[in-house]
């Protein structure tokens, strides 16, 4: 069974982006970026994105942000995908993600956003959370999860400290049976 991994950059004060979806303040280069790009090639063959996450690239003309991955964008408001390589999903989100997890293949990359992550977390579909903790305080913005989530135990399974201050933290989401 494939794992769904929420792999996301986050500030020390728990924000994944500014209110407008931009990432100014996050470190845009360094060894952590090289490792991230390598992980996209080797760990995953599917990526899930919320509409707001997808639209950040769309605003600058990027319609196919992960051409080497099968791409799904979840939206209740978009009427059609601007790119034939990006599948738009408007309903049955939980069913689709459950089906994807049950297929054979590499793991599934949840790249954002907070609304989608909250929905999938509430359905116990996220298996791991991988945080690229950036040494910055944004003060406000889009949080890691939108709204209230249930208290959940996490197990730190790996970590890496980069020279630029970024921490890469790997957490396994514990189920009630594992606590």
N, C-alpha and C. Protein backbone atom coordinates (compact mmCIF):
# COMPACT_ATOMS: atom_id res chain seq x y z
N UNK A 1 0.85 -1.19 0.00
CA UNK A 1 0.00 0.00 0.00
C UNK A 1 0.89 1.24 0.00
N UNK A 2 0.55 2.18 -0.86
CA UNK A 2 1.29 3.43 -0.93
C UNK A 2 1.03 4.29 0.30
N UNK A 3 1.99 5.15 0.61
CA UNK A 3 1.82 6.10 1.70
C UNK A 3 1.56 7.48 1.13
N UNK A 4 0.70 8.22 1.83
CA UNK A 4 0.47 9.62 1.50
C UNK A 4 1.33 10.44 2.44
N UNK A 5 2.24 11.25 1.84
CA UNK A 5 3.19 12.04 2.63
C UNK A 5 2.96 13.52 2.39
N UNK A 6 2.64 14.22 3.47
CA UNK A 6 2.47 15.67 3.44
C UNK A 6 3.87 16.26 3.62
N UNK A 7 4.49 16.66 2.51
CA UNK A 7 5.87 17.13 2.48
C UNK A 7 5.82 18.62 2.17
N UNK A 8 6.17 19.44 3.17
CA UNK A 8 5.88 20.86 3.02
C UNK A 8 6.90 21.71 3.79
N UNK A 9 7.21 22.86 3.21
CA UNK A 9 8.04 23.85 3.91
C UNK A 9 7.16 24.57 4.92
N UNK A 10 7.74 24.86 6.07
CA UNK A 10 6.98 25.52 7.13
C UNK A 10 7.91 26.46 7.89
N UNK A 11 7.35 27.56 8.36
CA UNK A 11 8.12 28.49 9.19
C UNK A 11 8.11 27.98 10.63
N UNK A 12 8.97 28.54 11.44
CA UNK A 12 9.02 28.15 12.85
C UNK A 12 7.69 28.43 13.54
N UNK A 13 6.96 29.44 13.08
CA UNK A 13 5.66 29.74 13.68
C UNK A 13 4.50 29.07 12.94
N UNK A 14 4.79 27.98 12.19
CA UNK A 14 3.78 27.06 11.68
C UNK A 14 3.01 27.54 10.45
N UNK A 15 3.62 28.36 9.60
CA UNK A 15 2.95 28.81 8.38
C UNK A 15 3.63 28.22 7.16
N UNK A 16 2.83 27.79 6.18
CA UNK A 16 3.37 27.21 4.95
C UNK A 16 3.48 28.24 3.84
N UNK A 17 2.89 29.41 4.03
CA UNK A 17 2.95 30.49 3.05
C UNK A 17 2.37 31.75 3.67
N UNK A 18 2.58 32.86 2.97
CA UNK A 18 1.93 34.11 3.35
C UNK A 18 0.45 34.01 2.97
N UNK A 19 -0.35 34.95 3.41
CA UNK A 19 -1.80 34.94 3.13
C UNK A 19 -2.09 34.85 1.63
N UNK A 20 -1.23 35.46 0.80
CA UNK A 20 -1.46 35.45 -0.65
C UNK A 20 -0.90 34.19 -1.32
N UNK A 21 -0.38 33.26 -0.53
CA UNK A 21 0.16 32.01 -1.08
C UNK A 21 1.63 32.07 -1.44
N UNK A 22 2.25 33.22 -1.34
CA UNK A 22 3.66 33.35 -1.69
C UNK A 22 4.56 32.78 -0.58
N UNK A 23 5.80 32.50 -0.95
CA UNK A 23 6.74 31.86 -0.01
C UNK A 23 7.93 32.73 0.33
N UNK A 24 7.83 34.03 0.16
CA UNK A 24 8.94 34.93 0.50
C UNK A 24 9.34 34.75 1.95
N UNK A 25 10.63 34.57 2.17
CA UNK A 25 11.14 34.33 3.52
C UNK A 25 11.65 32.92 3.69
N UNK A 26 11.11 31.98 2.93
CA UNK A 26 11.63 30.61 2.95
C UNK A 26 12.94 30.60 2.15
N UNK A 27 13.88 29.79 2.56
CA UNK A 27 15.17 29.74 1.88
C UNK A 27 15.00 29.03 0.53
N UNK A 28 15.23 29.77 -0.59
CA UNK A 28 14.95 29.23 -1.92
C UNK A 28 16.07 28.39 -2.52
N UNK A 29 17.22 28.35 -1.88
CA UNK A 29 18.31 27.56 -2.42
C UNK A 29 19.13 26.95 -1.29
N UNK A 30 19.86 25.94 -1.65
CA UNK A 30 20.69 25.25 -0.67
C UNK A 30 20.54 23.75 -0.82
N UNK A 31 21.26 23.03 0.01
CA UNK A 31 21.26 21.57 -0.04
C UNK A 31 19.86 21.00 0.19
N UNK A 32 19.05 21.66 1.01
CA UNK A 32 17.69 21.17 1.26
C UNK A 32 16.84 21.18 0.00
N UNK A 33 17.07 22.12 -0.90
CA UNK A 33 16.33 22.18 -2.16
C UNK A 33 16.77 21.04 -3.08
N UNK A 34 18.07 20.78 -3.11
CA UNK A 34 18.61 19.67 -3.91
C UNK A 34 18.01 18.35 -3.43
N UNK A 35 17.99 18.15 -2.12
CA UNK A 35 17.41 16.93 -1.54
C UNK A 35 15.92 16.82 -1.87
N UNK A 36 15.21 17.93 -1.79
CA UNK A 36 13.78 17.95 -2.10
C UNK A 36 13.54 17.53 -3.55
N UNK A 37 14.26 18.13 -4.47
CA UNK A 37 14.09 17.80 -5.89
C UNK A 37 14.43 16.34 -6.17
N UNK A 38 15.44 15.82 -5.51
CA UNK A 38 15.80 14.41 -5.67
C UNK A 38 14.69 13.50 -5.12
N UNK A 39 14.10 13.88 -3.99
CA UNK A 39 13.03 13.08 -3.40
C UNK A 39 11.82 13.02 -4.33
N UNK A 40 11.54 14.12 -5.04
CA UNK A 40 10.41 14.13 -5.97
C UNK A 40 10.61 13.10 -7.08
N UNK A 41 11.85 12.90 -7.49
CA UNK A 41 12.15 11.95 -8.56
C UNK A 41 12.12 10.50 -8.07
N UNK A 42 12.55 10.28 -6.84
CA UNK A 42 12.75 8.90 -6.39
C UNK A 42 11.64 8.35 -5.50
N UNK A 43 10.96 9.19 -4.73
CA UNK A 43 9.98 8.70 -3.77
C UNK A 43 8.57 8.64 -4.31
N UNK A 44 8.22 9.54 -5.23
CA UNK A 44 6.82 9.75 -5.58
C UNK A 44 6.55 9.52 -7.07
N UNK A 45 5.31 9.13 -7.39
CA UNK A 45 4.86 9.13 -8.78
C UNK A 45 3.50 9.81 -8.93
N UNK A 46 2.96 10.33 -7.84
CA UNK A 46 1.68 11.06 -7.84
C UNK A 46 1.82 12.27 -6.93
N UNK A 47 1.23 13.39 -7.34
CA UNK A 47 1.20 14.59 -6.50
C UNK A 47 -0.24 15.08 -6.39
N UNK A 48 -0.61 15.50 -5.19
CA UNK A 48 -1.93 16.07 -4.90
C UNK A 48 -1.74 17.53 -4.52
N UNK A 49 -2.58 18.40 -5.08
CA UNK A 49 -2.52 19.82 -4.78
C UNK A 49 -3.92 20.38 -4.61
N UNK A 50 -4.07 21.28 -3.66
CA UNK A 50 -5.29 22.05 -3.58
C UNK A 50 -5.26 23.14 -4.64
N UNK A 51 -6.40 23.70 -4.94
CA UNK A 51 -6.50 24.74 -5.97
C UNK A 51 -5.59 25.93 -5.67
N UNK A 52 -5.59 26.40 -4.44
CA UNK A 52 -4.80 27.59 -4.10
C UNK A 52 -3.30 27.32 -4.29
N UNK A 53 -2.86 26.14 -3.95
CA UNK A 53 -1.46 25.78 -4.15
C UNK A 53 -1.14 25.77 -5.64
N UNK A 54 -2.00 25.15 -6.43
CA UNK A 54 -1.80 25.07 -7.87
C UNK A 54 -1.80 26.46 -8.50
N UNK A 55 -2.67 27.33 -8.03
CA UNK A 55 -2.80 28.66 -8.64
C UNK A 55 -1.60 29.56 -8.41
N UNK A 56 -0.77 29.27 -7.41
CA UNK A 56 0.45 30.06 -7.20
C UNK A 56 1.32 29.97 -8.45
N UNK A 57 1.51 28.77 -8.98
CA UNK A 57 2.27 28.61 -10.21
C UNK A 57 1.51 29.07 -11.43
N UNK A 58 0.23 28.83 -11.44
CA UNK A 58 -0.62 29.21 -12.57
C UNK A 58 -0.54 30.71 -12.83
N UNK A 59 -0.44 31.50 -11.77
CA UNK A 59 -0.36 32.96 -11.91
C UNK A 59 0.86 33.41 -12.69
N UNK A 60 1.91 32.58 -12.71
CA UNK A 60 3.12 32.93 -13.45
C UNK A 60 3.29 32.04 -14.69
N UNK A 61 2.18 31.39 -15.10
CA UNK A 61 2.20 30.63 -16.34
C UNK A 61 2.59 29.18 -16.24
N UNK A 62 2.76 28.65 -15.04
CA UNK A 62 3.12 27.24 -14.87
C UNK A 62 1.84 26.42 -14.76
N UNK A 63 1.51 25.69 -15.82
CA UNK A 63 0.30 24.87 -15.82
C UNK A 63 0.59 23.42 -15.50
N UNK A 64 1.85 23.00 -15.62
CA UNK A 64 2.25 21.60 -15.42
C UNK A 64 3.46 21.57 -14.49
N UNK A 65 3.24 21.82 -13.17
CA UNK A 65 4.37 22.00 -12.26
C UNK A 65 5.21 20.75 -11.98
N UNK A 66 4.65 19.59 -12.13
CA UNK A 66 5.37 18.34 -11.84
C UNK A 66 5.21 17.39 -13.02
N UNK A 67 5.85 17.67 -14.16
CA UNK A 67 5.60 16.90 -15.37
C UNK A 67 5.97 15.42 -15.27
N UNK A 68 6.83 15.05 -14.34
CA UNK A 68 7.23 13.65 -14.17
C UNK A 68 6.31 12.88 -13.23
N UNK A 69 5.31 13.54 -12.64
CA UNK A 69 4.38 12.91 -11.72
C UNK A 69 2.96 12.97 -12.28
N UNK A 70 2.11 12.03 -11.89
CA UNK A 70 0.68 12.12 -12.17
C UNK A 70 0.14 13.19 -11.23
N UNK A 71 -0.53 14.21 -11.78
CA UNK A 71 -0.94 15.37 -10.99
C UNK A 71 -2.45 15.47 -10.85
N UNK A 72 -2.89 15.71 -9.62
CA UNK A 72 -4.30 15.94 -9.32
C UNK A 72 -4.44 17.27 -8.61
N UNK A 73 -5.37 18.08 -9.06
CA UNK A 73 -5.71 19.34 -8.39
C UNK A 73 -7.14 19.21 -7.90
N UNK A 74 -7.33 19.50 -6.61
CA UNK A 74 -8.65 19.39 -5.98
C UNK A 74 -9.26 20.78 -5.86
N UNK A 75 -10.44 20.93 -6.44
CA UNK A 75 -11.11 22.23 -6.43
C UNK A 75 -12.61 22.07 -6.58
N UNK A 76 -13.34 22.92 -5.88
CA UNK A 76 -14.78 22.97 -6.04
C UNK A 76 -15.18 24.09 -7.00
N UNK A 77 -14.23 24.96 -7.35
CA UNK A 77 -14.56 26.14 -8.15
C UNK A 77 -13.99 26.12 -9.56
N UNK A 78 -12.89 25.47 -9.82
CA UNK A 78 -12.34 25.41 -11.18
C UNK A 78 -13.26 24.55 -12.04
N UNK A 79 -13.49 25.00 -13.26
CA UNK A 79 -14.40 24.28 -14.16
C UNK A 79 -13.65 23.28 -15.04
N UNK A 80 -12.41 23.60 -15.38
CA UNK A 80 -11.62 22.67 -16.19
C UNK A 80 -10.15 22.91 -15.92
N UNK A 81 -9.36 21.89 -16.16
CA UNK A 81 -7.92 21.98 -15.96
C UNK A 81 -7.30 22.77 -17.10
N UNK A 82 -6.36 23.67 -16.78
CA UNK A 82 -5.69 24.42 -17.84
C UNK A 82 -4.60 23.60 -18.55
N UNK A 83 -4.38 22.37 -18.13
CA UNK A 83 -3.34 21.54 -18.72
C UNK A 83 -3.81 20.10 -18.81
N UNK A 84 -3.60 19.47 -19.93
CA UNK A 84 -4.04 18.09 -20.12
C UNK A 84 -3.34 17.10 -19.19
N UNK A 85 -2.19 17.49 -18.63
CA UNK A 85 -1.44 16.61 -17.73
C UNK A 85 -1.84 16.76 -16.27
N UNK A 86 -2.78 17.65 -15.99
CA UNK A 86 -3.24 17.90 -14.63
C UNK A 86 -4.72 17.54 -14.56
N UNK A 87 -5.03 16.54 -13.75
CA UNK A 87 -6.42 16.09 -13.62
C UNK A 87 -7.12 16.88 -12.52
N UNK A 88 -8.23 17.47 -12.86
CA UNK A 88 -9.03 18.25 -11.92
C UNK A 88 -10.01 17.32 -11.21
N UNK A 89 -10.05 17.41 -9.88
CA UNK A 89 -10.96 16.58 -9.07
C UNK A 89 -11.88 17.53 -8.32
N UNK A 90 -13.19 17.38 -8.55
CA UNK A 90 -14.16 18.28 -7.95
C UNK A 90 -14.97 17.63 -6.82
N UNK A 91 -15.02 16.31 -6.81
CA UNK A 91 -15.80 15.61 -5.79
C UNK A 91 -15.18 14.26 -5.50
N UNK A 92 -15.70 13.59 -4.48
CA UNK A 92 -15.21 12.25 -4.09
C UNK A 92 -13.71 12.23 -3.80
N UNK A 93 -13.25 13.26 -3.11
CA UNK A 93 -11.83 13.40 -2.79
C UNK A 93 -11.33 12.21 -1.99
N UNK A 94 -12.03 11.88 -0.92
CA UNK A 94 -11.60 10.80 -0.03
C UNK A 94 -11.55 9.48 -0.78
N UNK A 95 -12.56 9.23 -1.61
CA UNK A 95 -12.60 7.98 -2.37
C UNK A 95 -11.42 7.88 -3.33
N UNK A 96 -11.12 8.98 -4.03
CA UNK A 96 -10.01 8.96 -4.98
C UNK A 96 -8.68 8.73 -4.26
N UNK A 97 -8.45 9.44 -3.18
CA UNK A 97 -7.18 9.28 -2.47
C UNK A 97 -7.06 7.87 -1.90
N UNK A 98 -8.14 7.34 -1.37
CA UNK A 98 -8.12 5.96 -0.88
C UNK A 98 -7.78 4.99 -2.01
N UNK A 99 -8.38 5.20 -3.17
CA UNK A 99 -8.10 4.36 -4.33
C UNK A 99 -6.64 4.48 -4.76
N UNK A 100 -6.10 5.70 -4.79
CA UNK A 100 -4.69 5.90 -5.15
C UNK A 100 -3.76 5.20 -4.17
N UNK A 101 -4.08 5.28 -2.89
CA UNK A 101 -3.24 4.63 -1.88
C UNK A 101 -3.25 3.11 -2.03
N UNK A 102 -4.33 2.56 -2.52
CA UNK A 102 -4.44 1.11 -2.68
C UNK A 102 -3.82 0.60 -3.98
N UNK A 103 -3.44 1.50 -4.86
CA UNK A 103 -2.79 1.08 -6.10
C UNK A 103 -1.32 0.79 -5.85
N UNK A 104 -0.70 0.08 -6.77
CA UNK A 104 0.74 -0.14 -6.66
C UNK A 104 1.45 1.07 -7.24
N UNK A 105 2.64 1.30 -6.75
CA UNK A 105 3.44 2.42 -7.23
C UNK A 105 4.22 3.03 -6.10
N UNK A 106 4.85 4.15 -6.41
CA UNK A 106 5.60 4.89 -5.40
C UNK A 106 4.61 5.62 -4.49
N UNK A 107 5.14 6.29 -3.49
CA UNK A 107 4.29 7.01 -2.56
C UNK A 107 3.65 8.24 -3.23
N UNK A 108 2.71 8.86 -2.51
CA UNK A 108 1.93 9.98 -3.01
C UNK A 108 2.37 11.24 -2.25
N UNK A 109 2.67 12.27 -3.01
CA UNK A 109 3.14 13.54 -2.47
C UNK A 109 1.96 14.51 -2.32
N UNK A 110 1.68 14.88 -1.09
CA UNK A 110 0.71 15.94 -0.82
C UNK A 110 1.52 17.21 -0.64
N UNK A 111 1.46 18.09 -1.64
CA UNK A 111 2.30 19.29 -1.56
C UNK A 111 1.55 20.48 -0.98
N UNK A 112 0.29 20.39 -0.79
CA UNK A 112 -0.49 21.47 -0.19
C UNK A 112 -1.83 21.52 -0.87
N UNK A 113 -2.65 22.29 -0.33
CA UNK A 113 -2.53 23.23 0.73
C UNK A 113 -3.15 22.78 2.03
N UNK A 114 -3.30 23.76 2.88
CA UNK A 114 -3.77 23.52 4.24
C UNK A 114 -5.19 22.96 4.29
N UNK A 115 -6.06 23.45 3.43
CA UNK A 115 -7.45 22.94 3.41
C UNK A 115 -7.48 21.47 3.02
N UNK A 116 -6.77 21.13 1.94
CA UNK A 116 -6.73 19.74 1.48
C UNK A 116 -6.08 18.85 2.53
N UNK A 117 -4.99 19.31 3.12
CA UNK A 117 -4.31 18.52 4.16
C UNK A 117 -5.24 18.26 5.34
N UNK A 118 -6.01 19.26 5.73
CA UNK A 118 -6.94 19.10 6.85
C UNK A 118 -8.01 18.07 6.52
N UNK A 119 -8.55 18.14 5.31
CA UNK A 119 -9.57 17.18 4.89
C UNK A 119 -9.02 15.75 4.91
N UNK A 120 -7.85 15.56 4.34
CA UNK A 120 -7.26 14.22 4.26
C UNK A 120 -6.81 13.72 5.63
N UNK A 121 -6.33 14.63 6.48
CA UNK A 121 -5.91 14.25 7.83
C UNK A 121 -7.12 13.80 8.65
N UNK A 122 -8.23 14.49 8.51
CA UNK A 122 -9.45 14.14 9.25
C UNK A 122 -9.95 12.74 8.87
N UNK A 123 -9.61 12.31 7.66
CA UNK A 123 -10.03 10.98 7.19
C UNK A 123 -8.95 9.92 7.43
N UNK A 124 -7.92 10.27 8.20
CA UNK A 124 -6.80 9.36 8.52
C UNK A 124 -6.08 8.85 7.27
N UNK A 125 -5.96 9.69 6.27
CA UNK A 125 -5.31 9.29 5.03
C UNK A 125 -3.85 9.70 4.94
N UNK A 126 -3.40 10.63 5.77
CA UNK A 126 -2.00 11.05 5.75
C UNK A 126 -1.19 10.11 6.64
N UNK A 127 -0.18 9.50 6.05
CA UNK A 127 0.65 8.53 6.76
C UNK A 127 1.90 9.16 7.37
N UNK A 128 2.46 10.14 6.68
CA UNK A 128 3.68 10.78 7.16
C UNK A 128 3.60 12.28 6.91
N UNK A 129 4.26 13.03 7.78
CA UNK A 129 4.40 14.47 7.62
C UNK A 129 5.89 14.74 7.57
N UNK A 130 6.33 15.36 6.49
CA UNK A 130 7.74 15.71 6.33
C UNK A 130 7.80 17.24 6.28
N UNK A 131 8.45 17.80 7.29
CA UNK A 131 8.52 19.25 7.41
C UNK A 131 9.91 19.75 7.05
N UNK A 132 9.96 20.75 6.15
CA UNK A 132 11.20 21.49 5.90
C UNK A 132 11.07 22.75 6.75
N UNK A 133 11.54 22.66 7.97
CA UNK A 133 11.40 23.76 8.92
C UNK A 133 12.42 24.84 8.61
N UNK A 134 11.92 25.97 8.12
CA UNK A 134 12.77 27.09 7.73
C UNK A 134 13.00 28.02 8.91
N UNK A 135 14.23 28.54 9.05
CA UNK A 135 14.55 29.42 10.17
C UNK A 135 14.01 30.84 9.94
N UNK A 136 12.69 30.95 9.97
CA UNK A 136 12.03 32.23 9.75
C UNK A 136 10.71 32.23 10.51
N UNK A 137 10.33 33.42 10.97
CA UNK A 137 9.00 33.64 11.55
C UNK A 137 8.23 34.50 10.57
N UNK A 138 7.12 34.00 10.05
CA UNK A 138 6.33 34.77 9.09
C UNK A 138 5.36 35.73 9.79
N UNK A 139 4.97 35.41 11.02
CA UNK A 139 4.07 36.28 11.75
C UNK A 139 2.60 36.02 11.47
N UNK A 140 2.27 35.73 10.24
CA UNK A 140 0.90 35.37 9.86
C UNK A 140 0.98 34.66 8.51
N UNK A 141 -0.13 34.06 8.12
CA UNK A 141 -0.14 33.40 6.82
C UNK A 141 -1.05 32.20 6.82
N UNK A 142 -0.74 31.26 5.94
CA UNK A 142 -1.52 30.03 5.81
C UNK A 142 -0.89 28.99 6.72
N UNK A 143 -1.64 28.46 7.69
CA UNK A 143 -1.07 27.50 8.64
C UNK A 143 -0.88 26.11 8.00
N UNK A 144 -0.13 25.28 8.66
CA UNK A 144 0.13 23.91 8.22
C UNK A 144 -1.18 23.17 7.97
N UNK A 145 -2.13 23.32 8.89
CA UNK A 145 -3.48 22.77 8.73
C UNK A 145 -4.46 23.92 8.91
N UNK A 146 -5.55 23.90 8.15
CA UNK A 146 -6.56 24.95 8.23
C UNK A 146 -7.67 24.48 9.16
N UNK A 147 -7.94 25.24 10.20
CA UNK A 147 -9.00 24.86 11.12
C UNK A 147 -8.48 23.91 12.19
N UNK A 148 -9.41 23.25 12.83
CA UNK A 148 -9.10 22.38 13.96
C UNK A 148 -8.85 20.96 13.47
N UNK A 149 -7.78 20.36 13.96
CA UNK A 149 -7.53 18.94 13.71
C UNK A 149 -7.48 18.23 15.04
N UNK A 150 -7.67 16.93 15.00
CA UNK A 150 -7.67 16.16 16.26
C UNK A 150 -6.22 15.99 16.75
N UNK A 151 -6.08 15.93 18.06
CA UNK A 151 -4.76 15.67 18.64
C UNK A 151 -4.29 14.31 18.15
N UNK A 152 -3.05 14.26 17.69
CA UNK A 152 -2.51 13.05 17.10
C UNK A 152 -1.05 12.90 17.50
N UNK A 153 -0.67 11.71 17.89
CA UNK A 153 0.73 11.43 18.22
C UNK A 153 1.52 11.21 16.93
N UNK A 154 2.73 11.75 16.92
CA UNK A 154 3.63 11.58 15.79
C UNK A 154 4.92 10.93 16.30
N UNK A 155 5.53 10.13 15.44
CA UNK A 155 6.81 9.52 15.78
C UNK A 155 7.88 10.08 14.85
N UNK A 156 8.90 10.71 15.43
CA UNK A 156 10.02 11.21 14.64
C UNK A 156 10.81 10.01 14.14
N UNK A 157 10.88 9.83 12.82
CA UNK A 157 11.57 8.68 12.26
C UNK A 157 12.92 9.03 11.65
N UNK A 158 13.14 10.32 11.35
CA UNK A 158 14.41 10.75 10.80
C UNK A 158 14.48 12.26 10.86
N UNK A 159 15.68 12.79 10.74
CA UNK A 159 15.86 14.24 10.70
C UNK A 159 17.19 14.56 10.06
N UNK A 160 17.28 15.76 9.56
CA UNK A 160 18.53 16.24 8.97
C UNK A 160 18.63 17.72 9.24
N UNK A 161 19.81 18.16 9.64
CA UNK A 161 20.06 19.58 9.86
C UNK A 161 20.97 20.07 8.74
N UNK A 162 20.54 21.11 8.05
CA UNK A 162 21.34 21.69 6.97
C UNK A 162 22.14 22.87 7.50
N UNK A 163 23.23 23.17 6.85
CA UNK A 163 24.13 24.25 7.29
C UNK A 163 23.44 25.62 7.29
N UNK A 164 22.42 25.79 6.45
CA UNK A 164 21.72 27.08 6.37
C UNK A 164 20.63 27.24 7.43
N UNK A 165 20.48 26.23 8.32
CA UNK A 165 19.51 26.32 9.40
C UNK A 165 18.20 25.61 9.15
N UNK A 166 17.97 25.11 7.94
CA UNK A 166 16.75 24.36 7.65
C UNK A 166 16.86 23.00 8.32
N UNK A 167 15.76 22.58 8.95
CA UNK A 167 15.67 21.24 9.53
C UNK A 167 14.69 20.43 8.70
N UNK A 168 15.05 19.22 8.37
CA UNK A 168 14.14 18.31 7.68
C UNK A 168 13.70 17.28 8.70
N UNK A 169 12.41 17.26 8.99
CA UNK A 169 11.86 16.40 10.04
C UNK A 169 10.86 15.42 9.44
N UNK A 170 11.08 14.14 9.70
CA UNK A 170 10.20 13.09 9.18
C UNK A 170 9.38 12.52 10.34
N UNK A 171 8.07 12.61 10.22
CA UNK A 171 7.18 12.09 11.26
C UNK A 171 6.24 11.04 10.67
N UNK A 172 6.07 9.96 11.38
CA UNK A 172 5.04 8.98 11.06
C UNK A 172 3.82 9.32 11.90
N UNK A 173 2.67 9.35 11.27
CA UNK A 173 1.42 9.61 11.98
C UNK A 173 1.03 8.31 12.66
N UNK A 174 0.90 8.36 13.98
CA UNK A 174 0.54 7.16 14.72
C UNK A 174 -0.97 6.96 14.72
N UNK A 175 -1.38 5.74 14.57
CA UNK A 175 -2.79 5.40 14.68
C UNK A 175 -3.10 5.09 16.13
N UNK A 176 -4.36 4.99 16.46
CA UNK A 176 -4.75 4.68 17.86
C UNK A 176 -4.15 3.34 18.30
N UNK A 177 -4.03 2.40 17.38
CA UNK A 177 -3.47 1.08 17.73
C UNK A 177 -1.98 1.17 18.06
N UNK A 178 -1.30 2.20 17.54
CA UNK A 178 0.15 2.32 17.73
C UNK A 178 0.52 3.13 18.96
N UNK A 179 -0.46 3.74 19.61
CA UNK A 179 -0.17 4.59 20.77
C UNK A 179 -0.05 3.76 22.02
